[in-house]
Amino acid sequence: MQSQNPLIADFVKLANSAAGTFAGMTREARESARERAKEAFGGMDFVTREEFDAVKTMASKAREENEKLAARVAALEAKHS
């Protein structure tokens, strides 16, 4: 048979309230840190993955074109000499 000691019941209620409060504080701290990180990183100029890939493709094409033109110049110089 379970005894209904009011002191123990009050302690259990207090412990449950403290656990709920602690969980709420943890959630609030996490959300606050996430917001501060967004604000900190928001001012920086980061590029998206799509923009990075587009510039990488453009640089690759430009490099290939440069190599072709260098070969043509070398061939013309050899022919001219």
PDB file of N, CA and C in Angstrom:
ATOM      1  N   MET A   1       0.827  -1.168   0.000  1.00  0.00           N
ATOM      2  CA  MET A   1       0.000   0.000   0.000  1.00  0.00           C
ATOM      3  C   MET A   1       0.887   1.254   0.000  1.00  0.00           C
ATOM      4  N   GLN A   2       0.513   2.204  -0.810  1.00  0.00           N
ATOM      5  CA  GLN A   2       1.310   3.408  -0.955  1.00  0.00           C
ATOM      6  C   GLN A   2       0.857   4.462   0.041  1.00  0.00           C
ATOM      7  N   SER A   3       1.828   5.081   0.709  1.00  0.00           N
ATOM      8  CA  SER A   3       1.466   6.130   1.666  1.00  0.00           C
ATOM      9  C   SER A   3       1.380   7.458   0.938  1.00  0.00           C
ATOM     10  N   GLN A   4       0.521   8.329   1.377  1.00  0.00           N
ATOM     11  CA  GLN A   4       0.331   9.634   0.773  1.00  0.00           C
ATOM     12  C   GLN A   4       0.981  10.704   1.655  1.00  0.00           C
ATOM     13  N   ASN A   5       2.284  10.684   1.695  1.00  0.00           N
ATOM     14  CA  ASN A   5       3.016  11.653   2.504  1.00  0.00           C
ATOM     15  C   ASN A   5       3.041  12.980   1.742  1.00  0.00           C
ATOM     16  N   PRO A   6       2.480  14.057   2.281  1.00  0.00           N
ATOM     17  CA  PRO A   6       2.437  15.334   1.575  1.00  0.00           C
ATOM     18  C   PRO A   6       3.819  15.923   1.318  1.00  0.00           C
ATOM     19  N   LEU A   7       4.763  15.643   2.183  1.00  0.00           N
ATOM     20  CA  LEU A   7       6.110  16.163   1.988  1.00  0.00           C
ATOM     21  C   LEU A   7       6.746  15.528   0.740  1.00  0.00           C
ATOM     22  N   ILE A   8       6.570  14.220   0.583  1.00  0.00           N
ATOM     23  CA  ILE A   8       7.121  13.525  -0.588  1.00  0.00           C
ATOM     24  C   ILE A   8       6.388  13.977  -1.850  1.00  0.00           C
ATOM     25  N   ALA A   9       5.087  14.121  -1.771  1.00  0.00           N
ATOM     26  CA  ALA A   9       4.307  14.579  -2.929  1.00  0.00           C
ATOM     27  C   ALA A   9       4.750  15.966  -3.366  1.00  0.00           C
ATOM     28  N   ASP A  10       4.974  16.854  -2.403  1.00  0.00           N
ATOM     29  CA  ASP A  10       5.445  18.203  -2.728  1.00  0.00           C
ATOM     30  C   ASP A  10       6.836  18.170  -3.349  1.00  0.00           C
ATOM     31  N   PHE A  11       7.689  17.308  -2.820  1.00  0.00           N
ATOM     32  CA  PHE A  11       9.041  17.182  -3.375  1.00  0.00           C
ATOM     33  C   PHE A  11       9.001  16.669  -4.813  1.00  0.00           C
ATOM     34  N   VAL A  12       8.134  15.687  -5.084  1.00  0.00           N
ATOM     35  CA  VAL A  12       7.992  15.152  -6.446  1.00  0.00           C
ATOM     36  C   VAL A  12       7.482  16.237  -7.382  1.00  0.00           C
ATOM     37  N   LYS A  13       6.507  17.022  -6.945  1.00  0.00           N
ATOM     38  CA  LYS A  13       5.998  18.122  -7.772  1.00  0.00           C
ATOM     39  C   LYS A  13       7.097  19.150  -8.053  1.00  0.00           C
ATOM     40  N   LEU A  14       7.872  19.458  -7.031  1.00  0.00           N
ATOM     41  CA  LEU A  14       8.966  20.408  -7.184  1.00  0.00           C
ATOM     42  C   LEU A  14      10.012  19.876  -8.175  1.00  0.00           C
ATOM     43  N   ALA A  15      10.351  18.591  -8.061  1.00  0.00           N
ATOM     44  CA  ALA A  15      11.332  17.993  -8.970  1.00  0.00           C
ATOM     45  C   ALA A  15      10.813  17.992 -10.401  1.00  0.00           C
ATOM     46  N   ASN A  16       9.535  17.669 -10.597  1.00  0.00           N
ATOM     47  CA  ASN A  16       8.946  17.687 -11.937  1.00  0.00           C
ATOM     48  C   ASN A  16       8.937  19.091 -12.521  1.00  0.00           C
ATOM     49  N   SER A  17       8.608  20.072 -11.704  1.00  0.00           N
ATOM     50  CA  SER A  17       8.615  21.465 -12.170  1.00  0.00           C
ATOM     51  C   SER A  17      10.023  21.906 -12.545  1.00  0.00           C
ATOM     52  N   ALA A  18      10.999  21.531 -11.720  1.00  0.00           N
ATOM     53  CA  ALA A  18      12.385  21.901 -12.006  1.00  0.00           C
ATOM     54  C   ALA A  18      12.864  21.263 -13.304  1.00  0.00           C
ATOM     55  N   ALA A  19      12.483  20.003 -13.523  1.00  0.00           N
ATOM     56  CA  ALA A  19      12.892  19.319 -14.752  1.00  0.00           C
ATOM     57  C   ALA A  19      12.267  19.995 -15.968  1.00  0.00           C
ATOM     58  N   GLY A  20      10.991  20.376 -15.864  1.00  0.00           N
ATOM     59  CA  GLY A  20      10.327  21.072 -16.966  1.00  0.00           C
ATOM     60  C   GLY A  20      10.954  22.424 -17.236  1.00  0.00           C
ATOM     61  N   THR A  21      11.265  23.133 -16.156  1.00  0.00           N
ATOM     62  CA  THR A  21      11.906  24.440 -16.298  1.00  0.00           C
ATOM     63  C   THR A  21      13.282  24.309 -16.931  1.00  0.00           C
ATOM     64  N   PHE A  22      14.044  23.318 -16.499  1.00  0.00           N
ATOM     65  CA  PHE A  22      15.379  23.100 -17.053  1.00  0.00           C
ATOM     66  C   PHE A  22      15.302  22.758 -18.544  1.00  0.00           C
ATOM     67  N   ALA A  23      14.339  21.919 -18.914  1.00  0.00           N
ATOM     68  CA  ALA A  23      14.174  21.568 -20.333  1.00  0.00           C
ATOM     69  C   ALA A  23      13.821  22.811 -21.144  1.00  0.00           C
ATOM     70  N   GLY A  24      12.958  23.666 -20.591  1.00  0.00           N
ATOM     71  CA  GLY A  24      12.593  24.903 -21.289  1.00  0.00           C
ATOM     72  C   GLY A  24      13.774  25.847 -21.432  1.00  0.00           C
ATOM     73  N   MET A  25      14.576  25.938 -20.382  1.00  0.00           N
ATOM     74  CA  MET A  25      15.757  26.803 -20.439  1.00  0.00           C
ATOM     75  C   MET A  25      16.759  26.287 -21.469  1.00  0.00           C
ATOM     76  N   THR A  26      16.921  24.974 -21.536  1.00  0.00           N
ATOM     77  CA  THR A  26      17.837  24.384 -22.512  1.00  0.00           C
ATOM     78  C   THR A  26      17.367  24.686 -23.927  1.00  0.00           C
ATOM     79  N   ARG A  27      16.077  24.506 -24.168  1.00  0.00           N
ATOM     80  CA  ARG A  27      15.508  24.775 -25.494  1.00  0.00           C
ATOM     81  C   ARG A  27      15.671  26.250 -25.853  1.00  0.00           C
ATOM     82  N   GLU A  28      15.405  27.128 -24.902  1.00  0.00           N
ATOM     83  CA  GLU A  28      15.530  28.565 -25.146  1.00  0.00           C
ATOM     84  C   GLU A  28      16.979  28.965 -25.410  1.00  0.00           C
ATOM     85  N   ALA A  29      17.924  28.393 -24.671  1.00  0.00           N
ATOM     86  CA  ALA A  29      19.339  28.693 -24.874  1.00  0.00           C
ATOM     87  C   ALA A  29      19.788  28.228 -26.255  1.00  0.00           C
ATOM     88  N   ARG A  30      19.335  27.049 -26.674  1.00  0.00           N
ATOM     89  CA  ARG A  30      19.702  26.523 -27.993  1.00  0.00           C
ATOM     90  C   ARG A  30      19.171  27.431 -29.104  1.00  0.00           C
ATOM     91  N   GLU A  31      17.907  27.859 -28.979  1.00  0.00           N
ATOM     92  CA  GLU A  31      17.319  28.741 -29.988  1.00  0.00           C
ATOM     93  C   GLU A  31      18.020  30.102 -30.005  1.00  0.00           C
ATOM     94  N   SER A  32      18.381  30.594 -28.839  1.00  0.00           N
ATOM     95  CA  SER A  32      19.081  31.877 -28.754  1.00  0.00           C
ATOM     96  C   SER A  32      20.460  31.783 -29.415  1.00  0.00           C
ATOM     97  N   ALA A  33      21.169  30.702 -29.150  1.00  0.00           N
ATOM     98  CA  ALA A  33      22.490  30.513 -29.766  1.00  0.00           C
ATOM     99  C   ALA A  33      22.363  30.392 -31.280  1.00  0.00           C
ATOM    100  N   ARG A  34      21.338  29.706 -31.729  1.00  0.00           N
ATOM    101  CA  ARG A  34      21.116  29.549 -33.175  1.00  0.00           C
ATOM    102  C   ARG A  34      20.843  30.903 -33.819  1.00  0.00           C
ATOM    103  N   GLU A  35      20.034  31.738 -33.163  1.00  0.00           N
ATOM    104  CA  GLU A  35      19.745  33.078 -33.690  1.00  0.00           C
ATOM    105  C   GLU A  35      20.998  33.949 -33.726  1.00  0.00           C
ATOM    106  N   ARG A  36      21.821  33.876 -32.665  1.00  0.00           N
ATOM    107  CA  ARG A  36      23.063  34.658 -32.655  1.00  0.00           C
ATOM    108  C   ARG A  36      24.006  34.211 -33.762  1.00  0.00           C
ATOM    109  N   ALA A  37      24.065  32.912 -34.022  1.00  0.00           N
ATOM    110  CA  ALA A  37      24.920  32.401 -35.100  1.00  0.00           C
ATOM    111  C   ALA A  37      24.407  32.887 -36.450  1.00  0.00           C
ATOM    112  N   LYS A  38      23.093  32.874 -36.638  1.00  0.00           N
ATOM    113  CA  LYS A  38      22.525  33.374 -37.897  1.00  0.00           C
ATOM    114  C   LYS A  38      22.871  34.842 -38.106  1.00  0.00           C
ATOM    115  N   GLU A  39      22.767  35.632 -37.041  1.00  0.00           N
ATOM    116  CA  GLU A  39      23.100  37.052 -37.138  1.00  0.00           C
ATOM    117  C   GLU A  39      24.575  37.255 -37.447  1.00  0.00           C
ATOM    118  N   ALA A  40      25.428  36.465 -36.808  1.00  0.00           N
ATOM    119  CA  ALA A  40      26.874  36.604 -37.016  1.00  0.00           C
ATOM    120  C   ALA A  40      27.260  36.219 -38.438  1.00  0.00           C
ATOM    121  N   PHE A  41      26.721  35.125 -38.916  1.00  0.00           N
ATOM    122  CA  PHE A  41      27.081  34.652 -40.254  1.00  0.00           C
ATOM    123  C   PHE A  41      26.302  35.367 -41.347  1.00  0.00           C
ATOM    124  N   GLY A  42      25.197  35.995 -40.985  1.00  0.00           N
ATOM    125  CA  GLY A  42      24.370  36.684 -41.974  1.00  0.00           C
ATOM    126  C   GLY A  42      25.076  37.855 -42.616  1.00  0.00           C
ATOM    127  N   GLY A  43      25.967  38.517 -41.896  1.00  0.00           N
ATOM    128  CA  GLY A  43      26.669  39.666 -42.440  1.00  0.00           C
ATOM    129  C   GLY A  43      27.840  39.295 -43.331  1.00  0.00           C
ATOM    130  N   MET A  44      28.227  38.035 -43.315  1.00  0.00           N
ATOM    131  CA  MET A  44      29.360  37.599 -44.124  1.00  0.00           C
ATOM    132  C   MET A  44      28.894  37.257 -45.532  1.00  0.00           C
ATOM    133  N   ASP A  45      29.790  37.395 -46.474  1.00  0.00           N
ATOM    134  CA  ASP A  45      29.455  37.137 -47.866  1.00  0.00           C
ATOM    135  C   ASP A  45      29.812  35.703 -48.239  1.00  0.00           C
ATOM    136  N   PHE A  46      28.907  34.799 -47.972  1.00  0.00           N
ATOM    137  CA  PHE A  46      29.091  33.408 -48.374  1.00  0.00           C
ATOM    138  C   PHE A  46      28.372  33.191 -49.694  1.00  0.00           C
ATOM    139  N   VAL A  47      28.889  32.315 -50.512  1.00  0.00           N
ATOM    140  CA  VAL A  47      28.233  31.989 -51.764  1.00  0.00           C
ATOM    141  C   VAL A  47      27.487  30.674 -51.603  1.00  0.00           C
ATOM    142  N   THR A  48      26.461  30.511 -52.424  1.00  0.00           N
ATOM    143  CA  THR A  48      25.731  29.253 -52.397  1.00  0.00           C
ATOM    144  C   THR A  48      26.515  28.200 -53.166  1.00  0.00           C
ATOM    145  N   ARG A  49      26.163  26.970 -52.986  1.00  0.00           N
ATOM    146  CA  ARG A  49      26.831  25.870 -53.681  1.00  0.00           C
ATOM    147  C   ARG A  49      26.646  26.019 -55.192  1.00  0.00           C
ATOM    148  N   GLU A  50      25.458  26.452 -55.604  1.00  0.00           N
ATOM    149  CA  GLU A  50      25.174  26.616 -57.038  1.00  0.00           C
ATOM    150  C   GLU A  50      26.070  27.694 -57.648  1.00  0.00           C
ATOM    151  N   GLU A  51      26.236  28.814 -56.923  1.00  0.00           N
ATOM    152  CA  GLU A  51      27.107  29.882 -57.425  1.00  0.00           C
ATOM    153  C   GLU A  51      28.556  29.400 -57.512  1.00  0.00           C
ATOM    154  N   PHE A  52      29.005  28.659 -56.510  1.00  0.00           N
ATOM    155  CA  PHE A  52      30.364  28.139 -56.511  1.00  0.00           C
ATOM    156  C   PHE A  52      30.582  27.205 -57.698  1.00  0.00           C
ATOM    157  N   ASP A  53      29.641  26.299 -57.920  1.00  0.00           N
ATOM    158  CA  ASP A  53      29.768  25.357 -59.038  1.00  0.00           C
ATOM    159  C   ASP A  53      29.754  26.081 -60.381  1.00  0.00           C
ATOM    160  N   ALA A  54      28.934  27.129 -60.511  1.00  0.00           N
ATOM    161  CA  ALA A  54      28.876  27.884 -61.764  1.00  0.00           C
ATOM    162  C   ALA A  54      30.215  28.574 -62.041  1.00  0.00           C
ATOM    163  N   VAL A  55      30.807  29.186 -61.037  1.00  0.00           N
ATOM    164  CA  VAL A  55      32.095  29.867 -61.214  1.00  0.00           C
ATOM    165  C   VAL A  55      33.202  28.850 -61.483  1.00  0.00           C
ATOM    166  N   LYS A  56      33.129  27.704 -60.828  1.00  0.00           N
ATOM    167  CA  LYS A  56      34.117  26.650 -61.051  1.00  0.00           C
ATOM    168  C   LYS A  56      34.056  26.163 -62.495  1.00  0.00           C
ATOM    169  N   THR A  57      32.853  25.997 -63.031  1.00  0.00           N
ATOM    170  CA  THR A  57      32.694  25.586 -64.428  1.00  0.00           C
ATOM    171  C   THR A  57      33.223  26.659 -65.373  1.00  0.00           C
ATOM    172  N   MET A  58      32.922  27.919 -65.070  1.00  0.00           N
ATOM    173  CA  MET A  58      33.417  29.013 -65.915  1.00  0.00           C
ATOM    174  C   MET A  58      34.943  29.054 -65.905  1.00  0.00           C
ATOM    175  N   ALA A  59      35.564  28.868 -64.752  1.00  0.00           N
ATOM    176  CA  ALA A  59      37.026  28.896 -64.653  1.00  0.00           C
ATOM    177  C   ALA A  59      37.637  27.738 -65.430  1.00  0.00           C
ATOM    178  N   SER A  60      37.002  26.578 -65.369  1.00  0.00           N
ATOM    179  CA  SER A  60      37.504  25.419 -66.099  1.00  0.00           C
ATOM    180  C   SER A  60      37.458  25.667 -67.615  1.00  0.00           C
ATOM    181  N   LYS A  61      36.351  26.229 -68.077  1.00  0.00           N
ATOM    182  CA  LYS A  61      36.224  26.539 -69.514  1.00  0.00           C
ATOM    183  C   LYS A  61      37.245  27.592 -69.929  1.00  0.00           C
ATOM    184  N   ALA A  62      37.452  28.603 -69.098  1.00  0.00           N
ATOM    185  CA  ALA A  62      38.418  29.653 -69.408  1.00  0.00           C
ATOM    186  C   ALA A  62      39.832  29.076 -69.461  1.00  0.00           C
ATOM    187  N   ARG A  63      40.144  28.155 -68.561  1.00  0.00           N
ATOM    188  CA  ARG A  63      41.463  27.521 -68.552  1.00  0.00           C
ATOM    189  C   ARG A  63      41.678  26.711 -69.847  1.00  0.00           C
ATOM    190  N   GLU A  64      40.652  25.963 -70.249  1.00  0.00           N
ATOM    191  CA  GLU A  64      40.754  25.188 -71.490  1.00  0.00           C
ATOM    192  C   GLU A  64      40.957  26.101 -72.693  1.00  0.00           C
ATOM    193  N   GLU A  65      40.189  27.190 -72.737  1.00  0.00           N
ATOM    194  CA  GLU A  65      40.317  28.143 -73.845  1.00  0.00           C
ATOM    195  C   GLU A  65      41.704  28.786 -73.852  1.00  0.00           C
ATOM    196  N   ASN A  66      42.232  29.100 -72.688  1.00  0.00           N
ATOM    197  CA  ASN A  66      43.566  29.675 -72.574  1.00  0.00           C
ATOM    198  C   ASN A  66      44.623  28.710 -73.104  1.00  0.00           C
ATOM    199  N   GLU A  67      44.473  27.433 -72.762  1.00  0.00           N
ATOM    200  CA  GLU A  67      45.434  26.433 -73.242  1.00  0.00           C
ATOM    201  C   GLU A  67      45.363  26.289 -74.765  1.00  0.00           C
ATOM    202  N   LYS A  68      44.158  26.336 -75.334  1.00  0.00           N
ATOM    203  CA  LYS A  68      44.005  26.259 -76.795  1.00  0.00           C
ATOM    204  C   LYS A  68      44.658  27.468 -77.467  1.00  0.00           C
ATOM    205  N   LEU A  69      44.412  28.651 -76.908  1.00  0.00           N
ATOM    206  CA  LEU A  69      44.994  29.863 -77.493  1.00  0.00           C
ATOM    207  C   LEU A  69      46.514  29.867 -77.366  1.00  0.00           C
ATOM    208  N   ALA A  70      47.037  29.376 -76.261  1.00  0.00           N
ATOM    209  CA  ALA A  70      48.485  29.303 -76.092  1.00  0.00           C
ATOM    210  C   ALA A  70      49.091  28.358 -77.121  1.00  0.00           C
ATOM    211  N   ALA A  71      48.408  27.259 -77.392  1.00  0.00           N
ATOM    212  CA  ALA A  71      48.897  26.318 -78.406  1.00  0.00           C
ATOM    213  C   ALA A  71      48.866  26.968 -79.791  1.00  0.00           C
ATOM    214  N   ARG A  72      47.803  27.722 -80.094  1.00  0.00           N
ATOM    215  CA  ARG A  72      47.730  28.403 -81.396  1.00  0.00           C
ATOM    216  C   ARG A  72      48.831  29.445 -81.551  1.00  0.00           C
ATOM    217  N   VAL A  73      49.086  30.206 -80.472  1.00  0.00           N
ATOM    218  CA  VAL A  73      50.149  31.226 -80.514  1.00  0.00           C
ATOM    219  C   VAL A  73      51.490  30.545 -80.732  1.00  0.00           C
ATOM    220  N   ALA A  74      51.731  29.448 -80.025  1.00  0.00           N
ATOM    221  CA  ALA A  74      52.996  28.720 -80.181  1.00  0.00           C
ATOM    222  C   ALA A  74      53.140  28.207 -81.618  1.00  0.00           C
ATOM    223  N   ALA A  75      52.055  27.700 -82.192  1.00  0.00           N
ATOM    224  CA  ALA A  75      52.103  27.199 -83.571  1.00  0.00           C
ATOM    225  C   ALA A  75      52.363  28.342 -84.553  1.00  0.00           C
ATOM    226  N   LEU A  76      51.725  29.468 -84.343  1.00  0.00           N
ATOM    227  CA  LEU A  76      51.929  30.618 -85.231  1.00  0.00           C
ATOM    228  C   LEU A  76      53.356  31.152 -85.102  1.00  0.00           C
ATOM    229  N   GLU A  77      53.874  31.196 -83.877  1.00  0.00           N
ATOM    230  CA  GLU A  77      55.239  31.656 -83.691  1.00  0.00           C
ATOM    231  C   GLU A  77      56.239  30.706 -84.346  1.00  0.00           C
ATOM    232  N   ALA A  78      55.964  29.422 -84.248  1.00  0.00           N
ATOM    233  CA  ALA A  78      56.868  28.442 -84.868  1.00  0.00           C
ATOM    234  C   ALA A  78      56.821  28.573 -86.390  1.00  0.00           C
ATOM    235  N   LYS A  79      55.656  28.830 -86.920  1.00  0.00           N
ATOM    236  CA  LYS A  79      55.487  28.977 -88.365  1.00  0.00           C
ATOM    237  C   LYS A  79      56.137  30.271 -88.845  1.00  0.00           C
ATOM    238  N   HIS A  80      56.069  31.308 -88.042  1.00  0.00           N
ATOM    239  CA  HIS A  80      56.583  32.619 -88.407  1.00  0.00           C
ATOM    240  C   HIS A  80      58.103  32.689 -88.292  1.00  0.00           C
ATOM    241  N   SER A  81      58.678  31.893 -87.407  1.00  0.00           N
ATOM    242  CA  SER A  81      60.125  31.960 -87.181  1.00  0.00           C
ATOM    243  C   SER A  81      60.917  31.339 -88.281  1.00  0.00           C
TER     244      SER A  81
END
